[in-house]
Amino acid sequence: MPRPCCLRRIDVNPCAAYFKPAGIPARLLEEAVLTLDGLEAMRLAMEAFRDEIVTGQGAIDPDFRFHLEIARAAGNPYILDILTTLGLKVIPRSRFQIDEQEPQRQEYLKRINNEHEDIYNAIVRADPEASRAAVRNHLGNSRERMRQATGAGETL
């Protein structure tokens, strides 16, 4: 579903840089161009996430939109297809009841959005190492949050 039209506020102009995955020869890669619209879509998803935290909502849809925009920016049709096929189920808390009181729940969601901001800021800085580190941190933390939500502890 396309984003509704609205005025854009693009606060940054990322410097030109190339991100190359480690271990894959450059000749096998296609160019993926991060547009200002893509960057703005990521920022808007984070803003919507913050808004839903304030209003006491679960922020599942903006969380998914952020991940979807990252996949679009990466230009990998397979990841984009997986995300669109699975939909909101790729967000672990859409499947698990988070058993926390409102202040703790808001802090929990703020931590997730802070991780998104780390990813976004690394992309804006055109820093591939920081981008990879931020994504790994987010995925690792997400895995740990899922372990805690399911009571799996250290055995998963």
N, C-alpha and C. Protein backbone atom coordinates (compact mmCIF):
# COMPACT_ATOMS: atom_id res chain seq x y z
N MET A 1 0.85 -1.16 0.00
CA MET A 1 0.00 0.00 0.00
C MET A 1 0.90 1.23 0.00
N PRO A 2 0.68 2.16 -0.94
CA PRO A 2 1.53 3.35 -0.99
C PRO A 2 1.25 4.28 0.19
N ARG A 3 2.27 5.04 0.54
CA ARG A 3 2.11 6.02 1.62
C ARG A 3 1.18 7.13 1.17
N PRO A 4 0.38 7.66 2.07
CA PRO A 4 -0.45 8.82 1.71
C PRO A 4 0.45 10.03 1.43
N CYS A 5 0.01 10.87 0.53
CA CYS A 5 0.78 12.07 0.21
C CYS A 5 0.72 13.04 1.38
N CYS A 6 1.86 13.63 1.68
CA CYS A 6 1.93 14.63 2.71
C CYS A 6 3.20 15.43 2.50
N LEU A 7 3.29 16.56 3.18
CA LEU A 7 4.50 17.36 3.09
C LEU A 7 5.65 16.59 3.69
N ARG A 8 6.80 16.65 3.03
CA ARG A 8 7.97 15.94 3.53
C ARG A 8 8.85 16.90 4.31
N ARG A 9 9.53 16.33 5.30
CA ARG A 9 10.53 17.08 6.04
C ARG A 9 11.79 16.24 6.08
N ILE A 10 12.70 16.56 5.21
CA ILE A 10 13.94 15.80 5.14
C ILE A 10 15.02 16.67 5.76
N ASP A 11 15.48 16.23 6.93
CA ASP A 11 16.44 17.02 7.70
C ASP A 11 17.89 16.74 7.33
N VAL A 12 18.10 15.68 6.58
CA VAL A 12 19.47 15.29 6.27
C VAL A 12 19.64 15.11 4.77
N ASN A 13 20.85 15.23 4.31
CA ASN A 13 21.19 14.88 2.94
C ASN A 13 22.37 13.94 3.04
N PRO A 14 22.11 12.61 3.00
CA PRO A 14 23.19 11.67 3.23
C PRO A 14 24.27 11.80 2.16
N CYS A 15 25.49 11.64 2.58
CA CYS A 15 26.58 11.69 1.61
C CYS A 15 26.55 10.42 0.77
N ALA A 16 27.04 10.54 -0.43
CA ALA A 16 27.04 9.39 -1.34
C ALA A 16 28.03 8.35 -0.83
N ALA A 17 27.60 7.13 -0.76
CA ALA A 17 28.48 6.05 -0.33
C ALA A 17 27.91 4.75 -0.86
N TYR A 18 28.75 3.76 -0.89
CA TYR A 18 28.33 2.44 -1.32
C TYR A 18 28.46 1.48 -0.16
N PHE A 19 27.46 0.64 0.00
CA PHE A 19 27.49 -0.39 1.03
C PHE A 19 27.67 -1.72 0.30
N LYS A 20 28.66 -2.47 0.66
CA LYS A 20 28.91 -3.77 0.05
C LYS A 20 28.94 -4.82 1.14
N PRO A 21 28.10 -5.84 1.03
CA PRO A 21 28.13 -6.91 2.03
C PRO A 21 29.49 -7.61 2.02
N ALA A 22 29.96 -7.97 3.18
CA ALA A 22 31.23 -8.68 3.29
C ALA A 22 31.09 -10.07 2.66
N GLY A 23 32.12 -10.48 1.94
CA GLY A 23 32.16 -11.83 1.39
C GLY A 23 31.48 -12.01 0.05
N ILE A 24 30.89 -10.96 -0.50
CA ILE A 24 30.24 -11.06 -1.80
C ILE A 24 31.00 -10.16 -2.77
N PRO A 25 31.49 -10.73 -3.87
CA PRO A 25 32.22 -9.91 -4.84
C PRO A 25 31.33 -8.81 -5.41
N ALA A 26 31.90 -7.64 -5.59
CA ALA A 26 31.14 -6.48 -6.09
C ALA A 26 30.51 -6.77 -7.44
N ARG A 27 31.15 -7.59 -8.29
CA ARG A 27 30.61 -7.86 -9.62
C ARG A 27 29.28 -8.62 -9.57
N LEU A 28 28.98 -9.26 -8.42
CA LEU A 28 27.74 -10.00 -8.27
C LEU A 28 26.60 -9.17 -7.69
N LEU A 29 26.89 -7.94 -7.33
CA LEU A 29 25.90 -7.09 -6.69
C LEU A 29 25.27 -6.12 -7.67
N GLU A 30 24.01 -5.85 -7.44
CA GLU A 30 23.33 -4.80 -8.19
C GLU A 30 23.32 -3.55 -7.32
N GLU A 31 23.24 -2.43 -7.97
CA GLU A 31 23.21 -1.17 -7.23
C GLU A 31 21.82 -0.96 -6.64
N ALA A 32 21.78 -0.61 -5.37
CA ALA A 32 20.53 -0.24 -4.70
C ALA A 32 20.68 1.22 -4.29
N VAL A 33 19.76 2.04 -4.75
CA VAL A 33 19.85 3.48 -4.50
C VAL A 33 18.86 3.86 -3.41
N LEU A 34 19.38 4.46 -2.35
CA LEU A 34 18.52 4.97 -1.29
C LEU A 34 18.06 6.36 -1.69
N THR A 35 16.77 6.48 -1.93
CA THR A 35 16.22 7.77 -2.34
C THR A 35 15.85 8.59 -1.11
N LEU A 36 15.68 9.86 -1.34
CA LEU A 36 15.21 10.71 -0.23
C LEU A 36 13.81 10.29 0.22
N ASP A 37 12.99 9.81 -0.72
CA ASP A 37 11.67 9.31 -0.34
C ASP A 37 11.79 8.09 0.58
N GLY A 38 12.75 7.21 0.28
CA GLY A 38 12.96 6.04 1.13
C GLY A 38 13.44 6.43 2.51
N LEU A 39 14.36 7.38 2.55
CA LEU A 39 14.86 7.87 3.82
C LEU A 39 13.75 8.53 4.63
N GLU A 40 12.93 9.29 3.95
CA GLU A 40 11.80 9.96 4.61
C GLU A 40 10.80 8.93 5.12
N ALA A 41 10.56 7.86 4.36
CA ALA A 41 9.63 6.82 4.79
C ALA A 41 10.12 6.15 6.07
N MET A 42 11.44 5.93 6.16
CA MET A 42 12.00 5.37 7.40
C MET A 42 11.77 6.31 8.57
N ARG A 43 12.05 7.60 8.35
CA ARG A 43 11.89 8.59 9.42
C ARG A 43 10.43 8.67 9.85
N LEU A 44 9.51 8.65 8.88
CA LEU A 44 8.08 8.72 9.22
C LEU A 44 7.63 7.49 10.01
N ALA A 45 8.18 6.33 9.68
CA ALA A 45 7.84 5.11 10.43
C ALA A 45 8.31 5.24 11.88
N MET A 46 9.52 5.78 12.07
CA MET A 46 10.00 5.99 13.45
C MET A 46 9.15 7.02 14.18
N GLU A 47 8.74 8.06 13.48
CA GLU A 47 7.89 9.09 14.09
C GLU A 47 6.54 8.49 14.49
N ALA A 48 5.96 7.67 13.62
CA ALA A 48 4.69 7.02 13.93
C ALA A 48 4.85 6.07 15.12
N PHE A 49 5.99 5.40 15.19
CA PHE A 49 6.29 4.51 16.31
C PHE A 49 6.27 5.30 17.61
N ARG A 50 6.98 6.46 17.62
CA ARG A 50 7.00 7.31 18.83
C ARG A 50 5.60 7.78 19.19
N ASP A 51 4.81 8.17 18.19
CA ASP A 51 3.44 8.64 18.44
C ASP A 51 2.60 7.55 19.08
N GLU A 52 2.75 6.31 18.60
CA GLU A 52 1.96 5.21 19.16
C GLU A 52 2.39 4.87 20.59
N ILE A 53 3.67 5.06 20.89
CA ILE A 53 4.13 4.84 22.27
C ILE A 53 3.41 5.82 23.20
N VAL A 54 3.37 7.09 22.78
CA VAL A 54 2.76 8.14 23.59
C VAL A 54 1.28 7.87 23.81
N THR A 55 0.59 7.37 22.77
CA THR A 55 -0.85 7.14 22.87
C THR A 55 -1.20 5.77 23.45
N GLY A 56 -0.17 5.00 23.86
CA GLY A 56 -0.44 3.72 24.49
C GLY A 56 -0.75 2.59 23.54
N GLN A 57 -0.43 2.74 22.27
CA GLN A 57 -0.66 1.67 21.31
C GLN A 57 0.57 0.78 21.22
N GLY A 58 0.45 -0.32 20.48
CA GLY A 58 1.53 -1.30 20.42
C GLY A 58 2.64 -1.00 19.45
N ALA A 59 2.46 -0.05 18.55
CA ALA A 59 3.47 0.36 17.57
C ALA A 59 3.91 -0.78 16.67
N ILE A 60 3.05 -1.75 16.43
CA ILE A 60 3.42 -2.88 15.58
C ILE A 60 3.46 -2.47 14.11
N ASP A 61 2.46 -1.74 13.65
CA ASP A 61 2.43 -1.33 12.25
C ASP A 61 3.62 -0.44 11.88
N PRO A 62 3.93 0.61 12.65
CA PRO A 62 5.09 1.41 12.28
C PRO A 62 6.41 0.64 12.39
N ASP A 63 6.48 -0.30 13.30
CA ASP A 63 7.67 -1.15 13.42
C ASP A 63 7.84 -1.94 12.12
N PHE A 64 6.77 -2.55 11.67
CA PHE A 64 6.81 -3.31 10.41
C PHE A 64 7.16 -2.40 9.23
N ARG A 65 6.56 -1.21 9.20
CA ARG A 65 6.85 -0.28 8.09
C ARG A 65 8.32 0.09 8.05
N PHE A 66 8.94 0.29 9.21
CA PHE A 66 10.37 0.61 9.25
C PHE A 66 11.18 -0.53 8.61
N HIS A 67 10.89 -1.76 9.01
CA HIS A 67 11.61 -2.90 8.46
C HIS A 67 11.35 -3.04 6.95
N LEU A 68 10.13 -2.78 6.54
CA LEU A 68 9.79 -2.84 5.12
C LEU A 68 10.57 -1.79 4.32
N GLU A 69 10.70 -0.60 4.87
CA GLU A 69 11.46 0.46 4.18
C GLU A 69 12.94 0.12 4.10
N ILE A 70 13.48 -0.50 5.13
CA ILE A 70 14.87 -0.95 5.09
C ILE A 70 15.03 -1.98 3.96
N ALA A 71 14.11 -2.92 3.86
CA ALA A 71 14.17 -3.93 2.79
C ALA A 71 14.05 -3.28 1.41
N ARG A 72 13.17 -2.31 1.28
CA ARG A 72 13.05 -1.60 -0.01
C ARG A 72 14.35 -0.90 -0.35
N ALA A 73 14.93 -0.24 0.63
CA ALA A 73 16.18 0.50 0.40
C ALA A 73 17.31 -0.44 0.02
N ALA A 74 17.31 -1.65 0.58
CA ALA A 74 18.37 -2.61 0.28
C ALA A 74 18.24 -3.15 -1.14
N GLY A 75 17.05 -3.04 -1.70
CA GLY A 75 16.86 -3.49 -3.08
C GLY A 75 16.87 -5.00 -3.24
N ASN A 76 16.69 -5.73 -2.15
CA ASN A 76 16.68 -7.18 -2.21
C ASN A 76 15.24 -7.67 -2.35
N PRO A 77 14.85 -8.11 -3.55
CA PRO A 77 13.45 -8.50 -3.75
C PRO A 77 13.02 -9.69 -2.91
N TYR A 78 13.96 -10.56 -2.54
CA TYR A 78 13.61 -11.74 -1.76
C TYR A 78 13.22 -11.36 -0.33
N ILE A 79 13.99 -10.49 0.27
CA ILE A 79 13.66 -10.06 1.63
C ILE A 79 12.35 -9.28 1.62
N LEU A 80 12.18 -8.43 0.62
CA LEU A 80 10.93 -7.67 0.51
C LEU A 80 9.75 -8.61 0.34
N ASP A 81 9.91 -9.66 -0.46
CA ASP A 81 8.84 -10.63 -0.67
C ASP A 81 8.52 -11.38 0.62
N ILE A 82 9.56 -11.77 1.37
CA ILE A 82 9.34 -12.47 2.64
C ILE A 82 8.58 -11.58 3.61
N LEU A 83 9.02 -10.33 3.73
CA LEU A 83 8.36 -9.41 4.66
C LEU A 83 6.90 -9.17 4.27
N THR A 84 6.65 -8.94 2.99
CA THR A 84 5.26 -8.66 2.58
C THR A 84 4.39 -9.91 2.70
N THR A 85 4.97 -11.10 2.50
CA THR A 85 4.20 -12.33 2.65
C THR A 85 3.84 -12.59 4.11
N LEU A 86 4.82 -12.44 4.99
CA LEU A 86 4.57 -12.70 6.40
C LEU A 86 3.83 -11.57 7.10
N GLY A 87 3.99 -10.36 6.59
CA GLY A 87 3.29 -9.21 7.15
C GLY A 87 3.70 -8.93 8.59
N LEU A 88 2.73 -8.50 9.37
CA LEU A 88 3.00 -8.09 10.75
C LEU A 88 3.53 -9.21 11.64
N LYS A 89 3.41 -10.45 11.19
CA LYS A 89 3.89 -11.57 12.01
C LYS A 89 5.41 -11.57 12.15
N VAL A 90 6.12 -10.81 11.33
CA VAL A 90 7.58 -10.74 11.49
C VAL A 90 7.95 -9.93 12.72
N ILE A 91 7.01 -9.18 13.26
CA ILE A 91 7.25 -8.43 14.49
C ILE A 91 6.87 -9.34 15.66
N PRO A 92 7.86 -9.82 16.42
CA PRO A 92 7.57 -10.83 17.44
C PRO A 92 6.45 -10.45 18.41
N ARG A 93 6.38 -9.20 18.82
CA ARG A 93 5.36 -8.85 19.83
C ARG A 93 3.95 -8.86 19.25
N SER A 94 3.81 -9.02 17.92
CA SER A 94 2.47 -9.16 17.34
C SER A 94 1.91 -10.55 17.64
N ARG A 95 2.80 -11.48 18.02
CA ARG A 95 2.38 -12.86 18.28
C ARG A 95 2.40 -13.23 19.76
N PHE A 96 3.04 -12.39 20.59
CA PHE A 96 3.18 -12.70 22.01
C PHE A 96 2.58 -11.58 22.85
N GLN A 97 1.99 -11.97 23.95
CA GLN A 97 1.48 -10.99 24.90
C GLN A 97 2.65 -10.50 25.74
N ILE A 98 2.89 -9.21 25.71
CA ILE A 98 3.93 -8.63 26.55
C ILE A 98 3.30 -8.35 27.90
N ASP A 99 3.76 -9.04 28.90
CA ASP A 99 3.15 -8.98 30.22
C ASP A 99 3.85 -7.93 31.08
N GLU A 100 3.67 -6.68 30.70
CA GLU A 100 4.29 -5.59 31.45
C GLU A 100 3.26 -4.50 31.69
N GLN A 101 3.44 -3.77 32.77
CA GLN A 101 2.58 -2.63 33.06
C GLN A 101 2.90 -1.50 32.09
N GLU A 102 2.03 -0.53 31.99
CA GLU A 102 2.17 0.55 31.01
C GLU A 102 3.52 1.27 31.04
N PRO A 103 4.04 1.73 32.17
CA PRO A 103 5.35 2.41 32.12
C PRO A 103 6.47 1.51 31.60
N GLN A 104 6.47 0.24 32.02
CA GLN A 104 7.50 -0.69 31.54
C GLN A 104 7.32 -0.99 30.06
N ARG A 105 6.06 -1.08 29.63
CA ARG A 105 5.78 -1.35 28.22
C ARG A 105 6.26 -0.20 27.36
N GLN A 106 6.03 1.03 27.82
CA GLN A 106 6.50 2.19 27.07
C GLN A 106 8.02 2.21 26.98
N GLU A 107 8.70 1.86 28.08
CA GLU A 107 10.17 1.80 28.05
C GLU A 107 10.66 0.71 27.10
N TYR A 108 9.97 -0.40 27.11
CA TYR A 108 10.27 -1.51 26.21
C TYR A 108 10.19 -1.04 24.75
N LEU A 109 9.10 -0.36 24.41
CA LEU A 109 8.92 0.13 23.04
C LEU A 109 9.92 1.23 22.70
N LYS A 110 10.25 2.07 23.66
CA LYS A 110 11.26 3.11 23.42
C LYS A 110 12.62 2.49 23.09
N ARG A 111 12.97 1.41 23.79
CA ARG A 111 14.24 0.73 23.50
C ARG A 111 14.25 0.22 22.05
N ILE A 112 13.14 -0.35 21.63
CA ILE A 112 13.07 -0.85 20.25
C ILE A 112 13.22 0.31 19.27
N ASN A 113 12.51 1.40 19.51
CA ASN A 113 12.60 2.53 18.59
C ASN A 113 13.99 3.17 18.61
N ASN A 114 14.63 3.16 19.76
CA ASN A 114 16.01 3.66 19.83
C ASN A 114 16.93 2.81 18.95
N GLU A 115 16.69 1.51 18.93
CA GLU A 115 17.48 0.64 18.05
C GLU A 115 17.23 0.99 16.58
N HIS A 116 15.97 1.28 16.25
CA HIS A 116 15.66 1.72 14.89
C HIS A 116 16.39 3.02 14.56
N GLU A 117 16.39 3.93 15.51
CA GLU A 117 17.08 5.20 15.29
C GLU A 117 18.58 5.00 15.08
N ASP A 118 19.17 4.04 15.79
CA ASP A 118 20.59 3.73 15.59
C ASP A 118 20.84 3.26 14.16
N ILE A 119 19.95 2.41 13.66
CA ILE A 119 20.07 1.92 12.28
C ILE A 119 19.93 3.07 11.31
N TYR A 120 18.89 3.86 11.49
CA TYR A 120 18.62 5.00 10.61
C TYR A 120 19.79 5.98 10.60
N ASN A 121 20.29 6.32 11.77
CA ASN A 121 21.40 7.29 11.86
C ASN A 121 22.66 6.76 11.18
N ALA A 122 22.92 5.47 11.30
CA ALA A 122 24.08 4.89 10.63
C ALA A 122 23.90 4.94 9.11
N ILE A 123 22.69 4.73 8.64
CA ILE A 123 22.41 4.82 7.20
C ILE A 123 22.61 6.25 6.73
N VAL A 124 22.09 7.21 7.48
CA VAL A 124 22.23 8.62 7.11
C VAL A 124 23.70 9.02 7.06
N ARG A 125 24.49 8.50 7.99
CA ARG A 125 25.93 8.82 8.02
C ARG A 125 26.69 8.06 6.94
N ALA A 126 26.00 7.17 6.23
CA ALA A 126 26.62 6.33 5.21
C ALA A 126 27.78 5.53 5.80
N ASP A 127 27.52 4.94 6.96
CA ASP A 127 28.53 4.17 7.68
C ASP A 127 28.13 2.69 7.66
N PRO A 128 28.67 1.92 6.71
CA PRO A 128 28.23 0.52 6.59
C PRO A 128 28.55 -0.33 7.82
N GLU A 129 29.70 -0.09 8.45
CA GLU A 129 30.04 -0.88 9.64
C GLU A 129 29.06 -0.59 10.78
N ALA A 130 28.76 0.68 11.00
CA ALA A 130 27.80 1.04 12.05
C ALA A 130 26.40 0.53 11.71
N SER A 131 26.05 0.55 10.42
CA SER A 131 24.74 0.03 10.00
C SER A 131 24.62 -1.45 10.32
N ARG A 132 25.64 -2.21 9.93
CA ARG A 132 25.64 -3.65 10.21
C ARG A 132 25.58 -3.91 11.72
N ALA A 133 26.38 -3.17 12.48
CA ALA A 133 26.40 -3.35 13.93
C ALA A 133 25.04 -3.02 14.54
N ALA A 134 24.42 -1.96 14.07
CA ALA A 134 23.11 -1.56 14.61
C ALA A 134 22.04 -2.60 14.28
N VAL A 135 22.09 -3.15 13.06
CA VAL A 135 21.12 -4.18 12.67
C VAL A 135 21.35 -5.45 13.49
N ARG A 136 22.60 -5.86 13.64
CA ARG A 136 22.90 -7.05 14.44
C ARG A 136 22.45 -6.86 15.89
N ASN A 137 22.70 -5.68 16.43
CA ASN A 137 22.27 -5.38 17.79
C ASN A 137 20.75 -5.48 17.91
N HIS A 138 20.04 -4.90 16.95
CA HIS A 138 18.57 -4.92 16.98
C HIS A 138 18.05 -6.35 16.88
N LEU A 139 18.61 -7.13 15.96
CA LEU A 139 18.14 -8.51 15.79
C LEU A 139 18.48 -9.37 17.02
N GLY A 140 19.66 -9.17 17.57
CA GLY A 140 20.03 -9.91 18.78
C GLY A 140 19.14 -9.55 19.96
N ASN A 141 18.88 -8.26 20.12
CA ASN A 141 17.99 -7.82 21.20
C ASN A 141 16.58 -8.33 20.98
N SER A 142 16.14 -8.35 19.73
CA SER A 142 14.80 -8.85 19.41
C SER A 142 14.69 -10.33 19.77
N ARG A 143 15.73 -11.08 19.43
CA ARG A 143 15.74 -12.51 19.77
C ARG A 143 15.66 -12.69 21.30
N GLU A 144 16.42 -11.88 22.02
CA GLU A 144 16.41 -11.97 23.49
C GLU A 144 15.04 -11.58 24.05
N ARG A 145 14.44 -10.54 23.48
CA ARG A 145 13.09 -10.14 23.94
C ARG A 145 12.08 -11.27 23.68
N MET A 146 12.21 -11.95 22.54
CA MET A 146 11.31 -13.06 22.22
C MET A 146 11.53 -14.22 23.20
N ARG A 147 12.78 -14.50 23.53
CA ARG A 147 13.07 -15.55 24.51
C ARG A 147 12.39 -15.24 25.84
N GLN A 148 12.51 -14.00 26.26
CA GLN A 148 11.90 -13.62 27.54
C GLN A 148 10.38 -13.69 27.47
N ALA A 149 9.80 -13.28 26.34
CA ALA A 149 8.33 -13.28 26.21
C ALA A 149 7.78 -14.70 26.19
N THR A 150 8.55 -15.63 25.66
CA THR A 150 8.06 -17.02 25.58
C THR A 150 8.50 -17.86 26.76
N GLY A 151 9.32 -17.26 27.65
CA GLY A 151 9.80 -18.01 28.80
C GLY A 151 10.86 -19.03 28.44
N ALA A 152 11.49 -18.87 27.27
CA ALA A 152 12.48 -19.84 26.82
C ALA A 152 13.83 -19.66 27.51
N GLY A 153 14.04 -18.52 28.12
CA GLY A 153 15.29 -18.27 28.83
C GLY A 153 16.50 -18.45 27.93
N GLU A 154 17.49 -19.14 28.42
CA GLU A 154 18.75 -19.31 27.69
C GLU A 154 18.75 -20.53 26.78
N THR A 155 17.70 -21.31 26.74
CA THR A 155 17.74 -22.57 26.02
C THR A 155 17.36 -22.47 24.55
N LEU A 156 16.86 -21.38 24.11
CA LEU A 156 16.43 -21.26 22.71
C LEU A 156 17.58 -21.29 21.75
